[in-house]
């Protein structure tokens, strides 16, 4: 648990809006892991399984929160900004984290898993239960959007 907790918390922090909510989701993750560990058939799949459990807890939290908040449409289409070969420079972590927070949840999730957790397309697909082609597409558009947000931030006084 000690080895995984900081990594899962970091991942959850990218998925839920508040740090306290991430801690709650992490606690619910560990409860679900304890309850369902016997279902894990292949110990080699532990990493992917832990992230999938954490993702499910974050999704449950977001659904609950959505029900309680007024519905709003951000309408921001961030998917048309820059080239696909860009990857974020992590020298200025605070700016990157602020830009990540502005991405849609699916884009924020794939960026977090690939760049910050160094997961493969197949691992991300297994966690999100999404086809690998969709993951590749989300990564492409997430990188475009993140690059655009970071460049826009550089141009502000």
N, C-alpha and C. Protein backbone atom coordinates (compact mmCIF):
# COMPACT_ATOMS: atom_id res chain seq x y z
N UNK A 1 0.83 -1.19 0.00
CA UNK A 1 0.00 0.00 0.00
C UNK A 1 0.87 1.25 0.00
N UNK A 2 1.93 1.26 0.80
CA UNK A 2 2.79 2.43 0.89
C UNK A 2 3.43 2.81 -0.43
N UNK A 3 3.77 1.82 -1.22
CA UNK A 3 4.40 2.07 -2.52
C UNK A 3 3.40 2.68 -3.51
N UNK A 4 2.14 2.27 -3.42
CA UNK A 4 1.14 2.69 -4.39
C UNK A 4 0.39 3.95 -4.01
N UNK A 5 0.31 4.24 -2.73
CA UNK A 5 -0.53 5.35 -2.28
C UNK A 5 -0.18 6.70 -2.91
N UNK A 6 1.09 7.11 -2.91
CA UNK A 6 1.39 8.43 -3.51
C UNK A 6 1.06 8.48 -5.00
N UNK A 7 1.30 7.39 -5.70
CA UNK A 7 1.04 7.37 -7.14
C UNK A 7 -0.46 7.40 -7.43
N UNK A 8 -1.22 6.61 -6.67
CA UNK A 8 -2.67 6.61 -6.88
C UNK A 8 -3.29 7.95 -6.48
N UNK A 9 -2.78 8.53 -5.40
CA UNK A 9 -3.29 9.84 -4.98
C UNK A 9 -3.01 10.89 -6.06
N UNK A 10 -1.82 10.85 -6.62
CA UNK A 10 -1.48 11.80 -7.68
C UNK A 10 -2.43 11.62 -8.87
N UNK A 11 -2.67 10.38 -9.24
CA UNK A 11 -3.58 10.09 -10.35
C UNK A 11 -5.00 10.59 -10.02
N UNK A 12 -5.48 10.27 -8.84
CA UNK A 12 -6.81 10.71 -8.43
C UNK A 12 -6.91 12.22 -8.36
N UNK A 13 -5.84 12.85 -7.96
CA UNK A 13 -5.82 14.32 -7.86
C UNK A 13 -6.03 14.96 -9.22
N UNK A 14 -5.62 14.27 -10.28
CA UNK A 14 -5.83 14.78 -11.63
C UNK A 14 -7.27 14.57 -12.09
N UNK A 15 -8.00 13.66 -11.45
CA UNK A 15 -9.34 13.31 -11.90
C UNK A 15 -10.46 14.00 -11.13
N UNK A 16 -10.21 14.35 -9.89
CA UNK A 16 -11.25 14.99 -9.08
C UNK A 16 -10.83 16.41 -8.75
N UNK A 17 -11.78 17.32 -8.55
CA UNK A 17 -11.45 18.74 -8.45
C UNK A 17 -10.71 19.17 -7.18
N UNK A 18 -10.96 18.54 -6.07
CA UNK A 18 -10.38 18.99 -4.81
C UNK A 18 -9.47 17.92 -4.20
N UNK A 19 -8.45 18.36 -3.50
CA UNK A 19 -7.52 17.41 -2.88
C UNK A 19 -8.23 16.53 -1.85
N UNK A 20 -9.12 17.11 -1.06
CA UNK A 20 -9.86 16.32 -0.07
C UNK A 20 -10.68 15.23 -0.75
N UNK A 21 -11.25 15.55 -1.91
CA UNK A 21 -12.00 14.55 -2.66
C UNK A 21 -11.10 13.42 -3.15
N UNK A 22 -9.88 13.77 -3.53
CA UNK A 22 -8.92 12.76 -3.98
C UNK A 22 -8.57 11.82 -2.82
N UNK A 23 -8.39 12.38 -1.64
CA UNK A 23 -8.11 11.54 -0.46
C UNK A 23 -9.29 10.61 -0.17
N UNK A 24 -10.51 11.14 -0.29
CA UNK A 24 -11.70 10.30 -0.08
C UNK A 24 -11.76 9.18 -1.11
N UNK A 25 -11.50 9.53 -2.36
CA UNK A 25 -11.51 8.51 -3.42
C UNK A 25 -10.41 7.48 -3.19
N UNK A 26 -9.27 7.92 -2.68
CA UNK A 26 -8.19 6.98 -2.37
C UNK A 26 -8.61 6.01 -1.27
N UNK A 27 -9.26 6.52 -0.24
CA UNK A 27 -9.74 5.64 0.83
C UNK A 27 -10.74 4.63 0.28
N UNK A 28 -11.66 5.10 -0.54
CA UNK A 28 -12.64 4.19 -1.14
C UNK A 28 -11.95 3.18 -2.06
N UNK A 29 -10.87 3.61 -2.70
CA UNK A 29 -10.10 2.70 -3.55
C UNK A 29 -9.52 1.57 -2.72
N UNK A 30 -8.88 1.91 -1.59
CA UNK A 30 -8.27 0.87 -0.75
C UNK A 30 -9.33 -0.06 -0.18
N UNK A 31 -10.50 0.46 0.15
CA UNK A 31 -11.58 -0.41 0.63
C UNK A 31 -12.03 -1.38 -0.47
N UNK A 32 -12.16 -0.87 -1.69
CA UNK A 32 -12.55 -1.72 -2.81
C UNK A 32 -11.47 -2.76 -3.12
N UNK A 33 -10.21 -2.35 -3.03
CA UNK A 33 -9.10 -3.29 -3.27
C UNK A 33 -9.15 -4.40 -2.23
N UNK A 34 -9.31 -4.04 -0.98
CA UNK A 34 -9.36 -5.04 0.09
C UNK A 34 -10.53 -6.00 -0.12
N UNK A 35 -11.67 -5.44 -0.47
CA UNK A 35 -12.88 -6.23 -0.67
C UNK A 35 -12.77 -7.16 -1.89
N UNK A 36 -12.13 -6.70 -2.97
CA UNK A 36 -12.16 -7.42 -4.24
C UNK A 36 -10.83 -8.03 -4.65
N UNK A 37 -9.84 -8.02 -3.79
CA UNK A 37 -8.51 -8.52 -4.16
C UNK A 37 -8.55 -9.97 -4.66
N UNK A 38 -9.44 -10.76 -4.12
CA UNK A 38 -9.53 -12.16 -4.54
C UNK A 38 -9.91 -12.29 -6.02
N UNK A 39 -10.48 -11.25 -6.59
CA UNK A 39 -10.87 -11.27 -8.01
C UNK A 39 -9.69 -11.07 -8.95
N UNK A 40 -8.58 -10.59 -8.43
CA UNK A 40 -7.39 -10.38 -9.25
C UNK A 40 -6.77 -11.74 -9.56
N UNK A 41 -6.87 -12.16 -10.79
CA UNK A 41 -6.39 -13.49 -11.18
C UNK A 41 -4.89 -13.51 -11.47
N UNK A 42 -4.40 -12.45 -12.09
CA UNK A 42 -2.99 -12.40 -12.50
C UNK A 42 -2.26 -11.33 -11.69
N UNK A 43 -1.35 -11.72 -10.81
CA UNK A 43 -0.63 -10.72 -10.00
C UNK A 43 0.15 -9.71 -10.85
N UNK A 44 0.49 -10.08 -12.08
CA UNK A 44 1.21 -9.15 -12.97
C UNK A 44 0.31 -7.98 -13.39
N UNK A 45 -1.00 -8.17 -13.26
CA UNK A 45 -1.95 -7.13 -13.66
C UNK A 45 -2.31 -6.21 -12.49
N UNK A 46 -1.60 -6.30 -11.38
CA UNK A 46 -1.94 -5.52 -10.20
C UNK A 46 -1.96 -4.02 -10.49
N UNK A 47 -0.93 -3.52 -11.15
CA UNK A 47 -0.85 -2.08 -11.43
C UNK A 47 -2.07 -1.60 -12.21
N UNK A 48 -2.38 -2.28 -13.30
CA UNK A 48 -3.52 -1.89 -14.12
C UNK A 48 -4.82 -1.99 -13.32
N UNK A 49 -4.95 -3.04 -12.54
CA UNK A 49 -6.16 -3.25 -11.74
C UNK A 49 -6.32 -2.15 -10.69
N UNK A 50 -5.23 -1.78 -9.99
CA UNK A 50 -5.29 -0.72 -8.99
C UNK A 50 -5.75 0.60 -9.61
N UNK A 51 -5.19 0.94 -10.76
CA UNK A 51 -5.57 2.19 -11.41
C UNK A 51 -7.02 2.14 -11.89
N UNK A 52 -7.48 0.98 -12.34
CA UNK A 52 -8.87 0.86 -12.77
C UNK A 52 -9.81 1.04 -11.57
N UNK A 53 -9.46 0.45 -10.44
CA UNK A 53 -10.27 0.62 -9.22
C UNK A 53 -10.29 2.09 -8.82
N UNK A 54 -9.12 2.75 -8.84
CA UNK A 54 -9.05 4.17 -8.48
C UNK A 54 -9.88 5.01 -9.45
N UNK A 55 -9.79 4.69 -10.72
CA UNK A 55 -10.55 5.43 -11.73
C UNK A 55 -12.04 5.28 -11.47
N UNK A 56 -12.48 4.07 -11.16
CA UNK A 56 -13.89 3.85 -10.87
C UNK A 56 -14.34 4.66 -9.66
N UNK A 57 -13.51 4.75 -8.65
CA UNK A 57 -13.86 5.54 -7.46
C UNK A 57 -13.94 7.03 -7.81
N UNK A 58 -13.02 7.50 -8.63
CA UNK A 58 -13.06 8.90 -9.05
C UNK A 58 -14.32 9.18 -9.87
N UNK A 59 -14.67 8.25 -10.75
CA UNK A 59 -15.87 8.43 -11.57
C UNK A 59 -17.12 8.46 -10.69
N UNK A 60 -17.17 7.59 -9.70
CA UNK A 60 -18.30 7.58 -8.77
C UNK A 60 -18.40 8.92 -8.05
N UNK A 61 -17.27 9.43 -7.60
CA UNK A 61 -17.26 10.72 -6.92
C UNK A 61 -17.76 11.83 -7.86
N UNK A 62 -17.27 11.84 -9.09
CA UNK A 62 -17.67 12.89 -10.03
C UNK A 62 -19.15 12.82 -10.36
N UNK A 63 -19.68 11.60 -10.49
CA UNK A 63 -21.13 11.46 -10.74
C UNK A 63 -21.93 12.02 -9.57
N UNK A 64 -21.50 11.71 -8.35
CA UNK A 64 -22.20 12.24 -7.17
C UNK A 64 -22.13 13.76 -7.14
N UNK A 65 -20.97 14.29 -7.41
CA UNK A 65 -20.78 15.73 -7.38
C UNK A 65 -21.62 16.41 -8.46
N UNK A 66 -21.67 15.79 -9.62
CA UNK A 66 -22.42 16.36 -10.73
C UNK A 66 -23.90 16.46 -10.38
N UNK A 67 -24.41 15.46 -9.70
CA UNK A 67 -25.82 15.48 -9.30
C UNK A 67 -26.12 16.64 -8.37
N UNK A 68 -25.14 17.03 -7.56
CA UNK A 68 -25.37 18.07 -6.56
C UNK A 68 -25.10 19.49 -7.06
N UNK A 69 -24.41 19.60 -8.15
CA UNK A 69 -24.08 20.94 -8.66
C UNK A 69 -25.03 21.32 -9.79
N UNK A 70 -25.15 22.59 -10.03
CA UNK A 70 -25.94 23.05 -11.17
C UNK A 70 -25.23 22.61 -12.44
N UNK A 71 -26.03 22.19 -13.40
CA UNK A 71 -25.42 21.75 -14.65
C UNK A 71 -24.96 22.97 -15.43
N UNK A 72 -23.76 22.82 -15.94
CA UNK A 72 -23.23 23.92 -16.75
C UNK A 72 -22.52 23.35 -17.95
N UNK A 73 -22.49 24.09 -19.02
CA UNK A 73 -21.83 23.64 -20.23
C UNK A 73 -20.63 24.53 -20.48
N UNK A 74 -19.46 23.94 -20.26
CA UNK A 74 -18.23 24.70 -20.51
C UNK A 74 -18.07 24.97 -22.00
N UNK A 75 -18.46 24.02 -22.82
CA UNK A 75 -18.42 24.20 -24.26
C UNK A 75 -17.05 24.44 -24.84
N UNK A 76 -16.01 24.31 -24.09
CA UNK A 76 -14.67 24.60 -24.60
C UNK A 76 -14.15 23.43 -25.41
N UNK A 77 -13.90 23.68 -26.68
CA UNK A 77 -13.30 22.65 -27.51
C UNK A 77 -11.82 22.96 -27.61
N UNK A 78 -11.03 22.21 -26.87
CA UNK A 78 -9.59 22.46 -26.81
C UNK A 78 -8.82 21.64 -27.83
N UNK A 79 -9.51 20.93 -28.71
CA UNK A 79 -8.85 19.92 -29.52
C UNK A 79 -8.32 20.44 -30.85
N UNK A 80 -8.15 21.74 -31.03
CA UNK A 80 -7.71 22.20 -32.35
C UNK A 80 -6.58 23.22 -32.24
N UNK A 81 -5.57 22.94 -31.44
CA UNK A 81 -4.61 23.99 -31.13
C UNK A 81 -3.23 23.81 -31.76
N UNK A 82 -2.58 22.63 -31.69
CA UNK A 82 -1.19 22.52 -32.13
C UNK A 82 -0.90 21.17 -32.73
N UNK A 83 0.41 20.85 -32.92
CA UNK A 83 0.84 19.62 -33.57
C UNK A 83 0.93 18.42 -32.64
N UNK A 84 0.81 17.21 -33.19
CA UNK A 84 0.70 16.00 -32.38
C UNK A 84 2.00 15.51 -31.76
N UNK A 85 3.15 15.99 -32.19
CA UNK A 85 4.41 15.47 -31.68
C UNK A 85 4.91 16.20 -30.44
N UNK A 86 4.12 17.12 -29.96
CA UNK A 86 4.51 17.90 -28.79
C UNK A 86 4.34 17.07 -27.53
N UNK A 87 5.25 17.23 -26.59
CA UNK A 87 5.05 16.66 -25.25
C UNK A 87 5.46 17.72 -24.24
N UNK A 88 4.77 17.76 -23.09
CA UNK A 88 4.97 18.86 -22.17
C UNK A 88 6.35 18.84 -21.51
N UNK A 89 6.95 20.02 -21.41
CA UNK A 89 8.18 20.17 -20.65
C UNK A 89 7.78 20.34 -19.20
N UNK A 90 8.39 19.59 -18.32
CA UNK A 90 7.94 19.59 -16.94
C UNK A 90 8.77 20.50 -16.05
N UNK A 91 9.53 21.44 -16.62
CA UNK A 91 10.31 22.35 -15.79
C UNK A 91 9.42 23.20 -14.90
N UNK A 92 8.31 23.64 -15.44
CA UNK A 92 7.41 24.51 -14.70
C UNK A 92 6.17 23.71 -14.32
N UNK A 93 6.31 22.89 -13.29
CA UNK A 93 5.25 21.95 -12.91
C UNK A 93 3.95 22.65 -12.55
N UNK A 94 4.02 23.80 -11.91
CA UNK A 94 2.79 24.50 -11.51
C UNK A 94 1.96 24.90 -12.72
N UNK A 95 2.63 25.44 -13.75
CA UNK A 95 1.90 25.82 -14.97
C UNK A 95 1.30 24.59 -15.64
N UNK A 96 2.06 23.50 -15.67
CA UNK A 96 1.56 22.27 -16.29
C UNK A 96 0.34 21.76 -15.53
N UNK A 97 0.39 21.78 -14.21
CA UNK A 97 -0.74 21.30 -13.42
C UNK A 97 -1.97 22.17 -13.62
N UNK A 98 -1.79 23.47 -13.71
CA UNK A 98 -2.93 24.36 -13.96
C UNK A 98 -3.53 24.09 -15.34
N UNK A 99 -2.66 23.89 -16.33
CA UNK A 99 -3.15 23.59 -17.67
C UNK A 99 -3.85 22.23 -17.69
N UNK A 100 -3.29 21.26 -16.99
CA UNK A 100 -3.94 19.94 -16.92
C UNK A 100 -5.34 20.05 -16.34
N UNK A 101 -5.49 20.88 -15.33
CA UNK A 101 -6.80 21.04 -14.69
C UNK A 101 -7.84 21.61 -15.65
N UNK A 102 -7.39 22.32 -16.66
CA UNK A 102 -8.32 22.91 -17.63
C UNK A 102 -8.75 21.93 -18.71
N UNK A 103 -8.05 20.80 -18.83
CA UNK A 103 -8.41 19.81 -19.84
C UNK A 103 -9.68 19.05 -19.42
N UNK A 104 -10.33 18.48 -20.41
CA UNK A 104 -11.48 17.62 -20.10
C UNK A 104 -10.97 16.39 -19.34
N UNK A 105 -11.84 15.76 -18.60
CA UNK A 105 -11.44 14.60 -17.81
C UNK A 105 -10.80 13.49 -18.66
N UNK A 106 -11.39 13.10 -19.79
CA UNK A 106 -10.74 12.04 -20.58
C UNK A 106 -9.34 12.43 -21.06
N UNK A 107 -9.15 13.69 -21.43
CA UNK A 107 -7.83 14.13 -21.88
C UNK A 107 -6.85 14.20 -20.71
N UNK A 108 -7.30 14.74 -19.60
CA UNK A 108 -6.45 14.84 -18.41
C UNK A 108 -6.01 13.45 -17.94
N UNK A 109 -6.92 12.51 -18.03
CA UNK A 109 -6.62 11.15 -17.57
C UNK A 109 -5.54 10.49 -18.43
N UNK A 110 -5.67 10.55 -19.75
CA UNK A 110 -4.69 9.86 -20.59
C UNK A 110 -3.32 10.52 -20.52
N UNK A 111 -3.30 11.85 -20.43
CA UNK A 111 -2.02 12.56 -20.27
C UNK A 111 -1.35 12.14 -18.97
N UNK A 112 -2.13 12.10 -17.89
CA UNK A 112 -1.58 11.72 -16.59
C UNK A 112 -1.01 10.31 -16.62
N UNK A 113 -1.76 9.39 -17.18
CA UNK A 113 -1.31 8.00 -17.19
C UNK A 113 -0.09 7.79 -18.09
N UNK A 114 -0.06 8.46 -19.25
CA UNK A 114 1.08 8.23 -20.14
C UNK A 114 2.33 8.99 -19.71
N UNK A 115 2.21 10.28 -19.50
CA UNK A 115 3.40 11.07 -19.23
C UNK A 115 3.87 10.99 -17.79
N UNK A 116 2.94 10.95 -16.86
CA UNK A 116 3.34 11.00 -15.47
C UNK A 116 3.46 9.62 -14.84
N UNK A 117 2.77 8.64 -15.38
CA UNK A 117 2.87 7.27 -14.86
C UNK A 117 3.59 6.34 -15.84
N UNK A 118 3.98 6.84 -17.00
CA UNK A 118 4.70 6.09 -18.03
C UNK A 118 4.00 4.79 -18.41
N UNK A 119 2.69 4.83 -18.55
CA UNK A 119 1.94 3.65 -18.96
C UNK A 119 1.85 3.57 -20.47
N UNK A 120 1.72 2.35 -20.96
CA UNK A 120 1.57 2.13 -22.40
C UNK A 120 0.13 2.38 -22.82
N UNK A 121 -0.06 2.48 -24.12
CA UNK A 121 -1.41 2.65 -24.67
C UNK A 121 -2.31 1.49 -24.22
N UNK A 122 -1.77 0.26 -24.27
CA UNK A 122 -2.56 -0.90 -23.88
C UNK A 122 -2.93 -0.88 -22.40
N UNK A 123 -2.02 -0.44 -21.54
CA UNK A 123 -2.33 -0.35 -20.12
C UNK A 123 -3.42 0.70 -19.87
N UNK A 124 -3.30 1.84 -20.54
CA UNK A 124 -4.31 2.89 -20.39
C UNK A 124 -5.67 2.39 -20.89
N UNK A 125 -5.65 1.68 -22.01
CA UNK A 125 -6.89 1.13 -22.56
C UNK A 125 -7.53 0.15 -21.58
N UNK A 126 -6.71 -0.65 -20.92
CA UNK A 126 -7.24 -1.62 -19.95
C UNK A 126 -7.83 -0.90 -18.74
N UNK A 127 -7.18 0.14 -18.28
CA UNK A 127 -7.67 0.89 -17.12
C UNK A 127 -8.99 1.58 -17.43
N UNK A 128 -9.05 2.22 -18.58
CA UNK A 128 -10.22 3.02 -18.93
C UNK A 128 -11.31 2.21 -19.64
N UNK A 129 -10.98 0.96 -19.99
CA UNK A 129 -11.90 0.11 -20.76
C UNK A 129 -12.32 0.81 -22.04
N UNK A 130 -11.30 1.33 -22.73
CA UNK A 130 -11.48 2.08 -23.96
C UNK A 130 -10.56 1.47 -25.02
N UNK A 131 -10.98 1.39 -26.28
CA UNK A 131 -10.11 0.82 -27.32
C UNK A 131 -8.80 1.61 -27.45
N UNK A 132 -7.70 0.92 -27.77
CA UNK A 132 -6.40 1.60 -27.92
C UNK A 132 -6.44 2.74 -28.93
N UNK A 133 -7.20 2.59 -30.01
CA UNK A 133 -7.30 3.67 -31.01
C UNK A 133 -7.89 4.93 -30.42
N UNK A 134 -8.86 4.78 -29.55
CA UNK A 134 -9.47 5.93 -28.88
C UNK A 134 -8.47 6.58 -27.94
N UNK A 135 -7.67 5.75 -27.25
CA UNK A 135 -6.64 6.29 -26.35
C UNK A 135 -5.64 7.10 -27.16
N UNK A 136 -5.22 6.59 -28.30
CA UNK A 136 -4.26 7.32 -29.15
C UNK A 136 -4.85 8.66 -29.59
N UNK A 137 -6.12 8.64 -29.96
CA UNK A 137 -6.78 9.87 -30.38
C UNK A 137 -6.87 10.87 -29.22
N UNK A 138 -7.26 10.38 -28.04
CA UNK A 138 -7.35 11.27 -26.89
C UNK A 138 -5.99 11.86 -26.54
N UNK A 139 -4.95 11.04 -26.62
CA UNK A 139 -3.60 11.56 -26.35
C UNK A 139 -3.23 12.64 -27.34
N UNK A 140 -3.53 12.40 -28.59
CA UNK A 140 -3.22 13.38 -29.63
C UNK A 140 -3.89 14.73 -29.32
N UNK A 141 -5.19 14.70 -29.08
CA UNK A 141 -5.91 15.93 -28.83
C UNK A 141 -5.59 16.53 -27.46
N UNK A 142 -5.28 15.70 -26.51
CA UNK A 142 -4.88 16.20 -25.20
C UNK A 142 -3.56 16.96 -25.29
N UNK A 143 -2.62 16.42 -26.06
CA UNK A 143 -1.33 17.11 -26.23
C UNK A 143 -1.52 18.44 -26.94
N UNK A 144 -2.38 18.44 -27.95
CA UNK A 144 -2.66 19.70 -28.66
C UNK A 144 -3.23 20.74 -27.70
N UNK A 145 -4.20 20.32 -26.93
CA UNK A 145 -4.87 21.24 -26.01
C UNK A 145 -3.91 21.72 -24.92
N UNK A 146 -3.13 20.81 -24.36
CA UNK A 146 -2.20 21.18 -23.30
C UNK A 146 -1.14 22.15 -23.82
N UNK A 147 -0.64 21.87 -24.98
CA UNK A 147 0.35 22.78 -25.57
C UNK A 147 -0.26 24.16 -25.79
N UNK A 148 -1.47 24.19 -26.30
CA UNK A 148 -2.13 25.48 -26.52
C UNK A 148 -2.35 26.24 -25.23
N UNK A 149 -2.76 25.55 -24.20
CA UNK A 149 -2.97 26.21 -22.90
C UNK A 149 -1.66 26.75 -22.33
N UNK A 150 -0.61 25.96 -22.44
CA UNK A 150 0.68 26.42 -21.92
C UNK A 150 1.22 27.60 -22.73
N UNK A 151 1.06 27.55 -24.04
CA UNK A 151 1.52 28.67 -24.87
C UNK A 151 0.70 29.93 -24.60
N UNK A 152 -0.60 29.75 -24.40
CA UNK A 152 -1.46 30.90 -24.10
C UNK A 152 -1.05 31.52 -22.76
N UNK A 153 -0.66 30.70 -21.81
CA UNK A 153 -0.22 31.19 -20.51
C UNK A 153 1.08 31.95 -20.59
N UNK A 154 1.95 31.58 -21.53
CA UNK A 154 3.22 32.30 -21.71
C UNK A 154 2.99 33.69 -22.28
N UNK A 155 1.93 33.84 -23.04
CA UNK A 155 1.67 35.13 -23.71
C UNK A 155 0.90 36.11 -22.82
N UNK A 156 0.48 35.66 -21.63
CA UNK A 156 -0.23 36.56 -20.74
C UNK A 156 0.78 37.32 -19.90
N UNK A 157 0.46 38.60 -19.58
CA UNK A 157 1.41 39.39 -18.79
C UNK A 157 1.56 38.92 -17.39
